[in-house]
PDB file of N, CA and C in Angstrom:
ATOM      1  N   MET A   1      29.665  -3.725  23.206  1.00  0.00           N
ATOM      2  CA  MET A   1      30.884  -4.207  22.703  1.00  0.00           C
ATOM      3  C   MET A   1      31.558  -3.697  21.009  1.00  0.00           C
ATOM      4  N   GLU A   2      32.419  -3.015  21.351  1.00  0.00           N
ATOM      5  CA  GLU A   2      33.423  -2.378  20.532  1.00  0.00           C
ATOM      6  C   GLU A   2      33.908  -3.267  19.978  1.00  0.00           C
ATOM      7  N   ARG A   3      34.662  -3.847  18.503  1.00  0.00           N
ATOM      8  CA  ARG A   3      34.456  -5.055  17.566  1.00  0.00           C
ATOM      9  C   ARG A   3      35.284  -4.555  16.484  1.00  0.00           C
ATOM     10  N   VAL A   4      36.218  -5.520  16.260  1.00  0.00           N
ATOM     11  CA  VAL A   4      36.671  -5.553  14.998  1.00  0.00           C
ATOM     12  C   VAL A   4      36.242  -5.166  13.448  1.00  0.00           C
ATOM     13  N   LEU A   5      36.546  -4.913  12.194  1.00  0.00           N
ATOM     14  CA  LEU A   5      35.472  -4.621  11.299  1.00  0.00           C
ATOM     15  C   LEU A   5      36.018  -5.721  10.063  1.00  0.00           C
ATOM     16  N   GLY A   6      37.089  -6.001   9.256  1.00  0.00           N
ATOM     17  CA  GLY A   6      37.651  -7.172   9.356  1.00  0.00           C
ATOM     18  C   GLY A   6      39.221  -6.834   9.303  1.00  0.00           C
ATOM     19  N   ILE A   7      40.010  -7.533   7.984  1.00  0.00           N
ATOM     20  CA  ILE A   7      41.364  -7.326   8.505  1.00  0.00           C
ATOM     21  C   ILE A   7      41.851  -6.371   7.780  1.00  0.00           C
ATOM     22  N   GLY A   8      42.540  -5.740   9.117  1.00  0.00           N
ATOM     23  CA  GLY A   8      43.400  -4.332   8.161  1.00  0.00           C
ATOM     24  C   GLY A   8      44.897  -4.124   7.311  1.00  0.00           C
ATOM     25  N   GLY A   9      45.811  -5.262   7.164  1.00  0.00           N
ATOM     26  CA  GLY A   9      46.849  -4.807   7.340  1.00  0.00           C
ATOM     27  C   GLY A   9      47.621  -6.795   7.620  1.00  0.00           C
ATOM     28  N   TYR A  10      48.080  -7.417   6.811  1.00  0.00           N
ATOM     29  CA  TYR A  10      48.944  -8.389   6.858  1.00  0.00           C
ATOM     30  C   TYR A  10      50.582  -8.126   6.714  1.00  0.00           C
ATOM     31  N   PHE A  11      50.963  -7.753   7.577  1.00  0.00           N
ATOM     32  CA  PHE A  11      52.939  -8.234   6.854  1.00  0.00           C
ATOM     33  C   PHE A  11      54.081  -8.853   7.670  1.00  0.00           C
ATOM     34  N   LEU A  12      54.589  -8.779   6.387  1.00  0.00           N
ATOM     35  CA  LEU A  12      55.611  -9.820   5.831  1.00  0.00           C
ATOM     36  C   LEU A  12      57.163  -8.737   6.451  1.00  0.00           C
ATOM     37  N   ARG A  13      57.885  -9.522   7.072  1.00  0.00           N
ATOM     38  CA  ARG A  13      59.254  -9.793   7.244  1.00  0.00           C
ATOM     39  C   ARG A  13      59.916 -10.391   5.745  1.00  0.00           C
ATOM     40  N   ALA A  14      60.948  -9.374   5.369  1.00  0.00           N
ATOM     41  CA  ALA A  14      61.666 -10.321   3.916  1.00  0.00           C
ATOM     42  C   ALA A  14      63.050  -9.798   3.898  1.00  0.00           C
ATOM     43  N   THR A  15      63.819 -10.413   3.330  1.00  0.00           N
ATOM     44  CA  THR A  15      65.099  -9.994   3.086  1.00  0.00           C
ATOM     45  C   THR A  15      65.307  -8.960   2.315  1.00  0.00           C
ATOM     46  N   ASP A  16      64.042  -9.362   1.156  1.00  0.00           N
ATOM     47  CA  ASP A  16      64.130  -8.356   0.201  1.00  0.00           C
ATOM     48  C   ASP A  16      62.739  -7.768  -0.011  1.00  0.00           C
ATOM     49  N   PRO A  17      62.541  -6.920   0.542  1.00  0.00           N
ATOM     50  CA  PRO A  17      60.941  -6.212   0.303  1.00  0.00           C
ATOM     51  C   PRO A  17      60.605  -5.762  -0.661  1.00  0.00           C
ATOM     52  N   ALA A  18      61.193  -5.415  -1.362  1.00  0.00           N
ATOM     53  CA  ALA A  18      60.683  -5.055  -3.384  1.00  0.00           C
ATOM     54  C   ALA A  18      60.465  -6.048  -3.958  1.00  0.00           C
ATOM     55  N   ALA A  19      61.939  -7.195  -4.074  1.00  0.00           N
ATOM     56  CA  ALA A  19      61.396  -8.518  -4.894  1.00  0.00           C
ATOM     57  C   ALA A  19      60.269  -9.058  -3.700  1.00  0.00           C
ATOM     58  N   LEU A  20      60.124  -9.530  -2.489  1.00  0.00           N
ATOM     59  CA  LEU A  20      58.345  -9.796  -1.887  1.00  0.00           C
ATOM     60  C   LEU A  20      57.437  -9.378  -2.939  1.00  0.00           C
ATOM     61  N   SER A  21      57.146  -8.462  -2.422  1.00  0.00           N
ATOM     62  CA  SER A  21      55.910  -7.240  -2.953  1.00  0.00           C
ATOM     63  C   SER A  21      56.147  -7.596  -4.336  1.00  0.00           C
ATOM     64  N   ALA A  22      57.106  -7.269  -5.382  1.00  0.00           N
ATOM     65  CA  ALA A  22      57.076  -7.781  -6.830  1.00  0.00           C
ATOM     66  C   ALA A  22      56.146  -9.119  -7.068  1.00  0.00           C
ATOM     67  N   TRP A  23      56.514 -10.159  -6.795  1.00  0.00           N
ATOM     68  CA  TRP A  23      56.425 -11.597  -6.500  1.00  0.00           C
ATOM     69  C   TRP A  23      55.287 -11.830  -6.388  1.00  0.00           C
ATOM     70  N   TYR A  24      54.256 -11.156  -5.351  1.00  0.00           N
ATOM     71  CA  TYR A  24      52.898 -10.730  -4.442  1.00  0.00           C
ATOM     72  C   TYR A  24      52.525 -10.300  -5.829  1.00  0.00           C
ATOM     73  N   ARG A  25      52.691  -8.939  -6.344  1.00  0.00           N
ATOM     74  CA  ARG A  25      52.143  -8.419  -7.719  1.00  0.00           C
ATOM     75  C   ARG A  25      52.202  -9.449  -8.571  1.00  0.00           C
ATOM     76  N   ASP A  26      53.459  -9.866  -9.108  1.00  0.00           N
ATOM     77  CA  ASP A  26      53.328 -10.239 -10.437  1.00  0.00           C
ATOM     78  C   ASP A  26      53.310 -11.846 -10.271  1.00  0.00           C
ATOM     79  N   CYS A  27      53.711 -12.204  -9.177  1.00  0.00           N
ATOM     80  CA  CYS A  27      52.398 -13.790  -9.396  1.00  0.00           C
ATOM     81  C   CYS A  27      50.587 -13.754  -8.683  1.00  0.00           C
ATOM     82  N   LEU A  28      50.312 -13.601  -8.252  1.00  0.00           N
ATOM     83  CA  LEU A  28      49.225 -13.591  -7.732  1.00  0.00           C
ATOM     84  C   LEU A  28      48.107 -12.668  -7.960  1.00  0.00           C
ATOM     85  N   GLY A  29      48.431 -11.174  -8.211  1.00  0.00           N
ATOM     86  CA  GLY A  29      47.882 -10.138  -9.270  1.00  0.00           C
ATOM     87  C   GLY A  29      47.310  -9.492  -7.844  1.00  0.00           C
ATOM     88  N   LEU A  30      48.245  -9.052  -6.762  1.00  0.00           N
ATOM     89  CA  LEU A  30      48.044  -8.745  -5.609  1.00  0.00           C
ATOM     90  C   LEU A  30      48.370  -7.241  -5.791  1.00  0.00           C
ATOM     91  N   GLU A  31      48.095  -6.339  -6.212  1.00  0.00           N
ATOM     92  CA  GLU A  31      48.186  -4.690  -6.561  1.00  0.00           C
ATOM     93  C   GLU A  31      47.723  -3.464  -5.355  1.00  0.00           C
ATOM     94  N   ALA A  32      48.765  -3.584  -5.099  1.00  0.00           N
ATOM     95  CA  ALA A  32      48.611  -2.845  -4.090  1.00  0.00           C
ATOM     96  C   ALA A  32      49.232  -1.221  -4.070  1.00  0.00           C
ATOM     97  N   ASP A  33      49.210  -0.472  -3.568  1.00  0.00           N
ATOM     98  CA  ASP A  33      49.847   1.423  -4.184  1.00  0.00           C
ATOM     99  C   ASP A  33      51.078   0.979  -3.608  1.00  0.00           C
ATOM    100  N   GLU A  34      51.422   2.301  -3.364  1.00  0.00           N
ATOM    101  CA  GLU A  34      53.276   2.727  -2.692  1.00  0.00           C
ATOM    102  C   GLU A  34      53.400   2.673  -1.032  1.00  0.00           C
ATOM    103  N   ASN A  35      52.077   2.677  -0.545  1.00  0.00           N
ATOM    104  CA  ASN A  35      51.845   2.338   0.569  1.00  0.00           C
ATOM    105  C   ASN A  35      51.827   1.205   1.259  1.00  0.00           C
ATOM    106  N   GLY A  36      51.071   0.162   0.175  1.00  0.00           N
ATOM    107  CA  GLY A  36      51.206  -0.961   0.211  1.00  0.00           C
ATOM    108  C   GLY A  36      49.411  -1.239   0.535  1.00  0.00           C
ATOM    109  N   LEU A  37      48.569  -0.061   0.090  1.00  0.00           N
ATOM    110  CA  LEU A  37      46.727  -0.266   0.173  1.00  0.00           C
ATOM    111  C   LEU A  37      46.320  -0.885  -0.912  1.00  0.00           C
ATOM    112  N   TRP A  38      45.974  -2.011  -0.597  1.00  0.00           N
ATOM    113  CA  TRP A  38      45.468  -2.903  -1.360  1.00  0.00           C
ATOM    114  C   TRP A  38      43.700  -3.044  -1.555  1.00  0.00           C
ATOM    115  N   ARG A  39      43.656  -2.712  -2.289  1.00  0.00           N
ATOM    116  CA  ARG A  39      41.224  -2.622  -1.523  1.00  0.00           C
ATOM    117  C   ARG A  39      40.730  -4.316  -2.704  1.00  0.00           C
ATOM    118  N   PRO A  40      40.651  -5.669  -2.255  1.00  0.00           N
ATOM    119  CA  PRO A  40      40.571  -6.329  -2.083  1.00  0.00           C
ATOM    120  C   PRO A  40      39.429  -6.325  -2.597  1.00  0.00           C
ATOM    121  N   GLU A  41      38.241  -7.796  -3.300  1.00  0.00           N
ATOM    122  CA  GLU A  41      37.021  -7.761  -3.409  1.00  0.00           C
ATOM    123  C   GLU A  41      36.270  -8.171  -2.603  1.00  0.00           C
ATOM    124  N   ALA A  42      35.177  -7.503  -2.573  1.00  0.00           N
ATOM    125  CA  ALA A  42      34.301  -8.051  -0.836  1.00  0.00           C
ATOM    126  C   ALA A  42      33.653  -9.188  -0.946  1.00  0.00           C
ATOM    127  N   GLY A  43      33.788 -10.130   0.206  1.00  0.00           N
ATOM    128  CA  GLY A  43      33.918 -11.678   0.184  1.00  0.00           C
ATOM    129  C   GLY A  43      34.256 -12.104   1.942  1.00  0.00           C
ATOM    130  N   PRO A  44      33.882 -13.366   1.843  1.00  0.00           N
ATOM    131  CA  PRO A  44      34.145 -14.073   3.339  1.00  0.00           C
ATOM    132  C   PRO A  44      35.613 -13.892   3.505  1.00  0.00           C
ATOM    133  N   THR A  45      36.433 -13.958   5.154  1.00  0.00           N
ATOM    134  CA  THR A  45      37.245 -14.144   5.360  1.00  0.00           C
ATOM    135  C   THR A  45      36.988 -15.063   6.892  1.00  0.00           C
ATOM    136  N   VAL A  46      37.735 -15.956   6.784  1.00  0.00           N
ATOM    137  CA  VAL A  46      38.066 -16.579   7.821  1.00  0.00           C
ATOM    138  C   VAL A  46      39.160 -16.878   8.874  1.00  0.00           C
ATOM    139  N   PHE A  47      38.601 -16.603  10.160  1.00  0.00           N
ATOM    140  CA  PHE A  47      39.860 -16.578  11.164  1.00  0.00           C
ATOM    141  C   PHE A  47      39.606 -17.642  11.730  1.00  0.00           C
ATOM    142  N   ALA A  48      40.425 -18.583  12.170  1.00  0.00           N
ATOM    143  CA  ALA A  48      41.119 -19.962  12.690  1.00  0.00           C
ATOM    144  C   ALA A  48      41.901 -19.884  13.446  1.00  0.00           C
ATOM    145  N   THR A  49      42.119 -20.620  14.055  1.00  0.00           N
ATOM    146  CA  THR A  49      42.842 -21.307  15.312  1.00  0.00           C
ATOM    147  C   THR A  49      43.196 -22.861  14.869  1.00  0.00           C
ATOM    148  N   PHE A  50      44.827 -22.930  14.900  1.00  0.00           N
ATOM    149  CA  PHE A  50      44.983 -24.395  14.945  1.00  0.00           C
ATOM    150  C   PHE A  50      46.007 -24.794  15.972  1.00  0.00           C
ATOM    151  N   GLU A  51      45.838 -26.105  15.992  1.00  0.00           N
ATOM    152  CA  GLU A  51      46.395 -26.575  16.958  1.00  0.00           C
ATOM    153  C   GLU A  51      48.669 -26.588  17.157  1.00  0.00           C
ATOM    154  N   ALA A  52      49.434 -26.131  17.914  1.00  0.00           N
ATOM    155  CA  ALA A  52      50.619 -25.295  18.296  1.00  0.00           C
ATOM    156  C   ALA A  52      51.524 -25.960  17.285  1.00  0.00           C
ATOM    157  N   GLY A  53      51.057 -27.619  17.281  1.00  0.00           N
ATOM    158  CA  GLY A  53      52.187 -28.863  16.362  1.00  0.00           C
ATOM    159  C   GLY A  53      51.264 -29.087  15.149  1.00  0.00           C
ATOM    160  N   THR A  54      50.780 -28.375  14.546  1.00  0.00           N
ATOM    161  CA  THR A  54      49.963 -28.462  12.846  1.00  0.00           C
ATOM    162  C   THR A  54      51.191 -28.584  12.332  1.00  0.00           C
ATOM    163  N   ASP A  55      51.398 -29.599  11.039  1.00  0.00           N
ATOM    164  CA  ASP A  55      52.135 -29.233   9.953  1.00  0.00           C
ATOM    165  C   ASP A  55      50.768 -28.746   8.330  1.00  0.00           C
ATOM    166  N   TYR A  56      49.673 -28.276   9.043  1.00  0.00           N
ATOM    167  CA  TYR A  56      49.372 -27.737   7.908  1.00  0.00           C
ATOM    168  C   TYR A  56      50.055 -25.872   7.028  1.00  0.00           C
ATOM    169  N   PHE A  57      50.338 -25.688   7.669  1.00  0.00           N
ATOM    170  CA  PHE A  57      51.063 -24.364   7.161  1.00  0.00           C
ATOM    171  C   PHE A  57      52.606 -24.817   6.827  1.00  0.00           C
ATOM    172  N   GLY A  58      52.791 -26.229   6.801  1.00  0.00           N
ATOM    173  CA  GLY A  58      54.283 -25.812   5.986  1.00  0.00           C
ATOM    174  C   GLY A  58      55.037 -26.526   7.220  1.00  0.00           C
ATOM    175  N   SER A  59      56.298 -25.292   6.993  1.00  0.00           N
ATOM    176  CA  SER A  59      57.571 -25.256   8.371  1.00  0.00           C
ATOM    177  C   SER A  59      56.625 -25.092   9.741  1.00  0.00           C
ATOM    178  N   ARG A  60      56.458 -25.667  10.355  1.00  0.00           N
ATOM    179  CA  ARG A  60      56.268 -25.297  12.216  1.00  0.00           C
ATOM    180  C   ARG A  60      56.904 -24.045  12.934  1.00  0.00           C
ATOM    181  N   THR A  61      58.022 -23.465  11.677  1.00  0.00           N
ATOM    182  CA  THR A  61      58.593 -22.533  12.704  1.00  0.00           C
ATOM    183  C   THR A  61      57.647 -21.175  11.952  1.00  0.00           C
ATOM    184  N   GLN A  62      56.737 -21.215  10.972  1.00  0.00           N
ATOM    185  CA  GLN A  62      55.966 -20.518  10.196  1.00  0.00           C
ATOM    186  C   GLN A  62      54.921 -20.370  10.846  1.00  0.00           C
ATOM    187  N   GLN A  63      54.268 -19.354  11.649  1.00  0.00           N
ATOM    188  CA  GLN A  63      53.364 -18.828  13.344  1.00  0.00           C
ATOM    189  C   GLN A  63      51.646 -18.528  12.460  1.00  0.00           C
ATOM    190  N   THR A  64      51.752 -17.944  10.731  1.00  0.00           N
ATOM    191  CA  THR A  64      50.447 -17.831  10.682  1.00  0.00           C
ATOM    192  C   THR A  64      50.512 -18.181   9.779  1.00  0.00           C
ATOM    193  N   MET A  65      49.270 -18.329   8.198  1.00  0.00           N
ATOM    194  CA  MET A  65      48.700 -18.706   6.678  1.00  0.00           C
ATOM    195  C   MET A  65      48.506 -17.561   6.488  1.00  0.00           C
ATOM    196  N   LEU A  66      49.022 -17.285   5.724  1.00  0.00           N
ATOM    197  CA  LEU A  66      47.612 -16.120   4.757  1.00  0.00           C
ATOM    198  C   LEU A  66      47.194 -17.483   3.757  1.00  0.00           C
ATOM    199  N   ASN A  67      45.556 -17.003   3.632  1.00  0.00           N
ATOM    200  CA  ASN A  67      44.712 -17.085   2.755  1.00  0.00           C
ATOM    201  C   ASN A  67      44.448 -16.381   2.073  1.00  0.00           C
ATOM    202  N   PHE A  68      44.578 -16.439   0.298  1.00  0.00           N
ATOM    203  CA  PHE A  68      43.386 -15.877  -0.207  1.00  0.00           C
ATOM    204  C   PHE A  68      42.436 -16.590  -0.926  1.00  0.00           C
ATOM    205  N   ARG A  69      40.717 -15.859  -1.524  1.00  0.00           N
ATOM    206  CA  ARG A  69      40.187 -15.713  -1.923  1.00  0.00           C
ATOM    207  C   ARG A  69      40.186 -16.180  -3.591  1.00  0.00           C
ATOM    208  N   VAL A  70      40.355 -16.749  -4.351  1.00  0.00           N
ATOM    209  CA  VAL A  70      40.603 -16.726  -6.007  1.00  0.00           C
ATOM    210  C   VAL A  70      39.111 -17.545  -6.095  1.00  0.00           C
ATOM    211  N   ARG A  71      39.068 -16.586  -7.617  1.00  0.00           N
ATOM    212  CA  ARG A  71      38.094 -17.418  -8.631  1.00  0.00           C
ATOM    213  C   ARG A  71      37.946 -18.438  -9.302  1.00  0.00           C
ATOM    214  N   ASP A  72      39.149 -19.389  -8.892  1.00  0.00           N
ATOM    215  CA  ASP A  72      39.725 -20.569 -10.645  1.00  0.00           C
ATOM    216  C   ASP A  72      40.260 -20.828  -9.790  1.00  0.00           C
ATOM    217  N   LEU A  73      40.559 -21.760  -8.743  1.00  0.00           N
ATOM    218  CA  LEU A  73      41.772 -22.340  -8.032  1.00  0.00           C
ATOM    219  C   LEU A  73      42.752 -22.863  -8.902  1.00  0.00           C
ATOM    220  N   ASP A  74      41.781 -23.930  -9.991  1.00  0.00           N
ATOM    221  CA  ASP A  74      42.937 -24.248 -11.312  1.00  0.00           C
ATOM    222  C   ASP A  74      43.843 -23.977 -12.301  1.00  0.00           C
ATOM    223  N   ALA A  75      43.275 -22.142 -12.320  1.00  0.00           N
ATOM    224  CA  ALA A  75      43.993 -21.340 -13.742  1.00  0.00           C
ATOM    225  C   ALA A  75      44.332 -20.714 -12.565  1.00  0.00           C
ATOM    226  N   MET A  76      44.294 -20.442 -11.045  1.00  0.00           N
ATOM    227  CA  MET A  76      45.863 -19.572 -10.799  1.00  0.00           C
ATOM    228  C   MET A  76      46.805 -20.271 -10.013  1.00  0.00           C
ATOM    229  N   LEU A  77      46.596 -21.834 -10.027  1.00  0.00           N
ATOM    230  CA  LEU A  77      47.559 -22.659  -9.702  1.00  0.00           C
ATOM    231  C   LEU A  77      48.568 -23.299 -11.219  1.00  0.00           C
ATOM    232  N   ALA A  78      47.771 -22.946 -12.524  1.00  0.00           N
ATOM    233  CA  ALA A  78      48.758 -23.380 -13.686  1.00  0.00           C
ATOM    234  C   ALA A  78      48.828 -21.949 -13.629  1.00  0.00           C
ATOM    235  N   GLN A  79      49.120 -21.302 -13.196  1.00  0.00           N
ATOM    236  CA  GLN A  79      49.254 -19.326 -13.711  1.00  0.00           C
ATOM    237  C   GLN A  79      51.258 -19.525 -12.757  1.00  0.00           C
ATOM    238  N   LEU A  80      50.710 -19.830 -11.550  1.00  0.00           N
ATOM    239  CA  LEU A  80      52.020 -20.165 -10.616  1.00  0.00           C
ATOM    240  C   LEU A  80      53.018 -20.509 -11.084  1.00  0.00           C
ATOM    241  N   ARG A  81      52.538 -21.883 -11.525  1.00  0.00           N
ATOM    242  CA  ARG A  81      53.443 -23.007 -12.157  1.00  0.00           C
ATOM    243  C   ARG A  81      53.349 -22.203 -13.489  1.00  0.00           C
ATOM    244  N   ALA A  82      52.889 -21.758 -14.300  1.00  0.00           N
ATOM    245  CA  ALA A  82      53.841 -21.179 -15.600  1.00  0.00           C
ATOM    246  C   ALA A  82      54.729 -20.485 -15.139  1.00  0.00           C
ATOM    247  N   GLN A  83      55.334 -19.539 -14.118  1.00  0.00           N
ATOM    248  CA  GLN A  83      56.174 -18.656 -13.399  1.00  0.00           C
ATOM    249  C   GLN A  83      56.541 -19.441 -13.000  1.00  0.00           C
ATOM    250  N   GLY A  84      56.805 -20.570 -12.783  1.00  0.00           N
ATOM    251  CA  GLY A  84      58.277 -21.300 -11.873  1.00  0.00           C
ATOM    252  C   GLY A  84      58.008 -21.201  -9.916  1.00  0.00           C
ATOM    253  N   ALA A  85      56.588 -20.836  -9.516  1.00  0.00           N
ATOM    254  CA  ALA A  85      56.659 -20.866  -8.532  1.00  0.00           C
ATOM    255  C   ALA A  85      56.547 -22.219  -7.828  1.00  0.00           C
ATOM    256  N   ASP A  86      56.469 -22.188  -6.225  1.00  0.00           N
ATOM    257  CA  ASP A  86      56.567 -23.568  -5.888  1.00  0.00           C
ATOM    258  C   ASP A  86      55.398 -23.983  -5.043  1.00  0.00           C
ATOM    259  N   VAL A  87      54.225 -24.650  -6.165  1.00  0.00           N
ATOM    260  CA  VAL A  87      53.024 -24.935  -5.765  1.00  0.00           C
ATOM    261  C   VAL A  87      53.398 -26.462  -5.372  1.00  0.00           C
ATOM    262  N   ALA A  88      52.081 -26.246  -3.990  1.00  0.00           N
ATOM    263  CA  ALA A  88      52.231 -27.985  -3.715  1.00  0.00           C
ATOM    264  C   ALA A  88      51.626 -28.727  -4.619  1.00  0.00           C
ATOM    265  N   GLU A  89      51.602 -29.827  -4.813  1.00  0.00           N
ATOM    266  CA  GLU A  89      50.618 -30.174  -5.891  1.00  0.00           C
ATOM    267  C   GLU A  89      49.605 -31.270  -5.190  1.00  0.00           C
ATOM    268  N   ALA A  90      49.524 -31.344  -4.453  1.00  0.00           N
ATOM    269  CA  ALA A  90      47.753 -31.738  -3.752  1.00  0.00           C
ATOM    270  C   ALA A  90      46.818 -30.168  -3.957  1.00  0.00           C
ATOM    271  N   THR A  91      45.755 -30.864  -3.780  1.00  0.00           N
ATOM    272  CA  THR A  91      44.985 -29.717  -4.018  1.00  0.00           C
ATOM    273  C   THR A  91      43.787 -30.185  -2.328  1.00  0.00           C
ATOM    274  N   GLN A  92      42.801 -30.547  -2.318  1.00  0.00           N
ATOM    275  CA  GLN A  92      41.892 -30.390  -1.280  1.00  0.00           C
ATOM    276  C   GLN A  92      40.465 -29.829  -1.146  1.00  0.00           C
ATOM    277  N   ASP A  93      39.513 -30.478  -1.117  1.00  0.00           N
ATOM    278  CA  ASP A  93      38.102 -30.435  -1.539  1.00  0.00           C
ATOM    279  C   ASP A  93      37.493 -30.167  -0.100  1.00  0.00           C
ATOM    280  N   MET A  94      36.631 -29.456   0.668  1.00  0.00           N
ATOM    281  CA  MET A  94      36.071 -29.459   1.344  1.00  0.00           C
ATOM    282  C   MET A  94      34.741 -29.172   1.238  1.00  0.00           C
ATOM    283  N   GLU A  95      34.034 -30.504   1.555  1.00  0.00           N
ATOM    284  CA  GLU A  95      32.285 -30.052   0.947  1.00  0.00           C
ATOM    285  C   GLU A  95      31.790 -28.988   1.586  1.00  0.00           C
ATOM    286  N   GLY A  96      30.865 -28.092   0.691  1.00  0.00           N
ATOM    287  CA  GLY A  96      30.012 -26.914   1.983  1.00  0.00           C
ATOM    288  C   GLY A  96      31.637 -25.445   1.438  1.00  0.00           C
ATOM    289  N   VAL A  97      32.681 -25.996   1.952  1.00  0.00           N
ATOM    290  CA  VAL A  97      33.745 -24.886   1.783  1.00  0.00           C
ATOM    291  C   VAL A  97      34.007 -24.124   1.266  1.00  0.00           C
ATOM    292  N   GLY A  98      34.398 -25.359  -0.013  1.00  0.00           N
ATOM    293  CA  GLY A  98      35.625 -25.180  -0.947  1.00  0.00           C
ATOM    294  C   GLY A  98      36.990 -26.238  -1.345  1.00  0.00           C
ATOM    295  N   ARG A  99      37.368 -25.360  -2.529  1.00  0.00           N
ATOM    296  CA  ARG A  99      38.664 -25.458  -2.281  1.00  0.00           C
ATOM    297  C   ARG A  99      40.104 -25.096  -2.252  1.00  0.00           C
ATOM    298  N   PHE A 100      41.089 -26.253  -1.907  1.00  0.00           N
ATOM    299  CA  PHE A 100      42.165 -25.514  -1.268  1.00  0.00           C
ATOM    300  C   PHE A 100      43.052 -25.628  -2.148  1.00  0.00           C
ATOM    301  N   GLY A 101      44.881 -25.142  -2.447  1.00  0.00           N
ATOM    302  CA  GLY A 101      46.193 -25.125  -2.876  1.00  0.00           C
ATOM    303  C   GLY A 101      46.806 -24.187  -2.471  1.00  0.00           C
ATOM    304  N   TRP A 102      48.201 -24.569  -2.048  1.00  0.00           N
ATOM    305  CA  TRP A 102      49.135 -23.878  -1.546  1.00  0.00           C
ATOM    306  C   TRP A 102      50.612 -23.389  -2.688  1.00  0.00           C
ATOM    307  N   VAL A 103      50.863 -22.223  -2.230  1.00  0.00           N
ATOM    308  CA  VAL A 103      52.124 -22.332  -2.903  1.00  0.00           C
ATOM    309  C   VAL A 103      53.005 -21.570  -1.632  1.00  0.00           C
ATOM    310  N   THR A 104      54.327 -21.627  -2.324  1.00  0.00           N
ATOM    311  CA  THR A 104      55.924 -21.216  -0.973  1.00  0.00           C
ATOM    312  C   THR A 104      55.807 -20.058  -1.603  1.00  0.00           C
ATOM    313  N   ASP A 105      55.966 -19.062  -0.464  1.00  0.00           N
ATOM    314  CA  ASP A 105      56.529 -17.313  -1.737  1.00  0.00           C
ATOM    315  C   ASP A 105      58.018 -18.070  -1.895  1.00  0.00           C
ATOM    316  N   PRO A 106      58.783 -16.948  -1.808  1.00  0.00           N
ATOM    317  CA  PRO A 106      60.133 -17.136  -2.321  1.00  0.00           C
ATOM    318  C   PRO A 106      61.002 -17.080  -1.440  1.00  0.00           C
ATOM    319  N   GLU A 107      60.512 -16.431  -0.056  1.00  0.00           N
ATOM    320  CA  GLU A 107      60.918 -16.487   1.271  1.00  0.00           C
ATOM    321  C   GLU A 107      60.493 -17.355   2.251  1.00  0.00           C
ATOM    322  N   GLY A 108      59.564 -18.131   1.262  1.00  0.00           N
ATOM    323  CA  GLY A 108      59.666 -19.703   2.295  1.00  0.00           C
ATOM    324  C   GLY A 108      57.665 -19.697   3.784  1.00  0.00           C
ATOM    325  N   ASN A 109      57.363 -18.639   2.420  1.00  0.00           N
ATOM    326  CA  ASN A 109      55.939 -18.656   3.414  1.00  0.00           C
ATOM    327  C   ASN A 109      54.504 -19.030   2.657  1.00  0.00           C
ATOM    328  N   ARG A 110      54.334 -20.044   3.377  1.00  0.00           N
ATOM    329  CA  ARG A 110      53.194 -21.004   2.667  1.00  0.00           C
ATOM    330  C   ARG A 110      51.872 -19.892   2.624  1.00  0.00           C
ATOM    331  N   ILE A 111      51.315 -19.812   1.665  1.00  0.00           N
ATOM    332  CA  ILE A 111      49.942 -19.733   1.027  1.00  0.00           C
ATOM    333  C   ILE A 111      49.037 -20.422   0.561  1.00  0.00           C
ATOM    334  N   GLU A 112      48.185 -20.053   1.386  1.00  0.00           N
ATOM    335  CA  GLU A 112      46.762 -21.253   1.094  1.00  0.00           C
ATOM    336  C   GLU A 112      45.867 -20.039  -0.013  1.00  0.00           C
ATOM    337  N   LEU A 113      45.576 -20.643  -1.426  1.00  0.00           N
ATOM    338  CA  LEU A 113      44.711 -19.931  -2.268  1.00  0.00           C
ATOM    339  C   LEU A 113      43.172 -20.963  -1.951  1.00  0.00           C
ATOM    340  N   TRP A 114      42.474 -20.019  -1.651  1.00  0.00           N
ATOM    341  CA  TRP A 114      40.884 -21.182  -1.653  1.00  0.00           C
ATOM    342  C   TRP A 114      40.327 -20.176  -2.964  1.00  0.00           C
ATOM    343  N   GLN A 115      39.307 -21.450  -3.326  1.00  0.00           N
ATOM    344  CA  GLN A 115      38.326 -21.214  -4.564  1.00  0.00           C
ATOM    345  C   GLN A 115      36.476 -21.101  -2.995  1.00  0.00           C
ATOM    346  N   PRO A 116      36.347 -20.567  -2.810  1.00  0.00           N
ATOM    347  CA  PRO A 116      34.310 -20.774  -1.945  1.00  0.00           C
ATOM    348  C   PRO A 116      33.711 -21.617  -2.897  1.00  0.00           C
ATOM    349  N   ALA A 117      33.088 -22.270  -1.769  1.00  0.00           N
ATOM    350  CA  ALA A 117      31.701 -22.722  -2.590  1.00  0.00           C
ATOM    351  C   ALA A 117      31.035 -22.261  -3.110  1.00  0.00           C
TER     352      ALA A 117
END
């Protein structure tokens, strides 16, 4: 059986695509080239489904949520707050899985940040 090898891309609609790309670069350090090609560090990727009525993604109109692995969750959240980003106050610890925090991008998309255990 043929199977997928990994995430090949994640695409977002935006009112101002250039400004949203700049936010991901400036606030999260996501360096992509002019074609959007980004070479993330190797590591685990989680693929999970949620109940249709979940509030975990923030807004019920948001159908998917991007999760980024980070090395130091506290440092990333502090960096985002210093740049005026909309960062959730709460974090979550899951034994054996890691720590989680959330930020909402300027277009209203909730993003999960994960520091693996």
